[in-house]
Amino acid sequence: MPNFRHIFVDFEETAKLIKTHDIVKASETIKGGLFLAKKQVWYEVEENETIEQCLERMKKDGYMPFGRMEEPIFHMVDGEPVVLRQKIKFKGVLVEE
């Protein structure tokens, strides 16, 4: 059994969602008017976004947080690696209706 659920959507609405980045590009596949959503998707907290905003984005896309991953982002200062910021990702699991 494939790891997808099927939702019928209209092409115009799907195009709007893609243009405004309302859904994660990794989870979108459009084939003949059919939207196929993955059951698990990683969401990254953007630089200008709070954790709460990222979680709200997940909820709006139909996913709930299931896991969290953090990794440091480094840059070089005088030949030494220095932590610039933390990259935070949440694993989203598709909410079955």
Protein backbone atom coordinates (compact mmCIF):
# COMPACT_ATOMS: atom_id res chain seq x y z
CA MET A 1 0.00 0.00 0.00
CA PRO A 2 1.49 3.39 -0.97
CA ASN A 3 2.35 5.98 1.67
CA PHE A 4 -0.08 8.58 0.27
CA ARG A 5 -3.62 9.75 0.83
CA HIS A 6 -5.66 11.20 -2.03
CA ILE A 7 -7.41 14.56 -1.94
CA PHE A 8 -9.23 15.94 -4.96
CA VAL A 9 -8.54 19.63 -5.42
CA ASP A 10 -9.05 22.14 -8.15
CA PHE A 11 -6.01 23.14 -10.24
CA GLU A 12 -6.52 26.86 -9.58
CA GLU A 13 -6.59 26.39 -5.81
CA THR A 14 -3.53 24.11 -5.95
CA ALA A 15 -1.62 26.70 -7.98
CA LYS A 16 -2.45 29.37 -5.37
CA LEU A 17 -1.21 27.12 -2.58
CA ILE A 18 2.05 26.44 -4.41
CA LYS A 19 2.62 30.13 -5.22
CA THR A 20 2.07 31.20 -1.61
CA HIS A 21 4.08 28.26 -0.19
CA ASP A 22 1.13 27.12 1.93
CA ILE A 23 2.19 23.51 1.53
CA VAL A 24 5.59 21.92 1.72
CA LYS A 25 7.02 21.41 -1.76
CA ALA A 26 8.45 18.04 -0.76
CA SER A 27 4.94 16.73 -0.09
CA GLU A 28 3.22 17.95 -3.21
CA THR A 29 2.68 15.94 -6.34
CA ILE A 30 0.03 16.84 -8.85
CA LYS A 31 -1.11 14.24 -11.36
CA GLY A 32 -4.26 14.76 -13.41
CA GLY A 33 -6.04 16.84 -10.75
CA LEU A 34 -5.09 14.52 -7.89
CA PHE A 35 -3.05 15.77 -4.92
CA LEU A 36 -0.93 13.12 -3.24
CA ALA A 37 0.26 14.03 0.27
CA LYS A 38 3.04 12.18 2.06
CA LYS A 39 2.29 10.82 5.51
CA GLN A 40 5.51 12.28 6.98
CA VAL A 41 7.14 15.60 6.10
CA TRP A 42 9.97 17.60 7.69
CA TYR A 43 9.21 21.29 8.41
CA GLU A 44 12.12 23.66 9.00
CA VAL A 45 11.70 26.73 11.19
CA GLU A 46 12.61 29.62 8.89
CA GLU A 47 15.04 32.36 10.01
CA ASN A 48 12.29 34.96 10.42
CA GLU A 49 9.76 32.51 11.90
CA THR A 50 9.05 31.47 15.49
CA ILE A 51 8.60 27.86 16.53
CA GLU A 52 4.92 28.58 17.19
CA GLN A 53 4.48 29.94 13.65
CA CYS A 54 6.10 26.82 12.18
CA LEU A 55 3.83 24.57 14.23
CA GLU A 56 0.81 26.59 13.09
CA ARG A 57 1.94 26.18 9.45
CA MET A 58 2.15 22.42 10.00
CA LYS A 59 -1.34 22.36 11.47
CA LYS A 60 -2.71 24.39 8.54
CA ASP A 61 -1.18 21.87 6.11
CA GLY A 62 -2.84 18.97 7.98
CA TYR A 63 0.22 17.67 9.87
CA MET A 64 0.94 17.34 13.57
CA PRO A 65 4.43 17.39 15.09
CA PHE A 66 5.88 13.96 15.87
CA GLY A 67 9.59 14.62 16.26
CA ARG A 68 12.11 17.44 16.52
CA MET A 69 15.68 17.73 15.25
CA GLU A 70 18.21 20.49 15.85
CA GLU A 71 21.57 21.01 14.24
CA PRO A 72 24.02 23.89 14.56
CA ILE A 73 24.84 26.13 11.59
CA PHE A 74 28.49 27.21 11.63
CA HIS A 75 30.47 29.97 9.95
CA MET A 76 34.19 30.56 9.98
CA VAL A 77 35.70 33.38 12.08
CA ASP A 78 39.49 33.73 11.95
CA GLY A 79 39.76 30.16 10.66
CA GLU A 80 37.68 28.73 13.53
CA PRO A 81 34.11 27.39 13.23
CA VAL A 82 31.65 29.46 15.28
CA VAL A 83 27.98 28.60 15.80
CA LEU A 84 25.83 31.05 13.83
CA ARG A 85 22.41 29.65 14.80
CA GLN A 86 20.46 26.43 15.34
CA LYS A 87 18.49 24.85 12.50
CA ILE A 88 15.27 23.42 13.97
CA LYS A 89 13.14 20.90 12.07
CA PHE A 90 9.89 19.19 13.05
CA LYS A 91 8.74 15.88 11.64
CA GLY A 92 5.09 16.25 10.68
CA VAL A 93 2.76 13.28 10.56
CA LEU A 94 -0.35 13.53 8.40
CA VAL A 95 -3.52 13.77 10.50
CA GLU A 96 -5.94 11.12 9.25
CA GLU A 97 -9.56 12.26 9.16
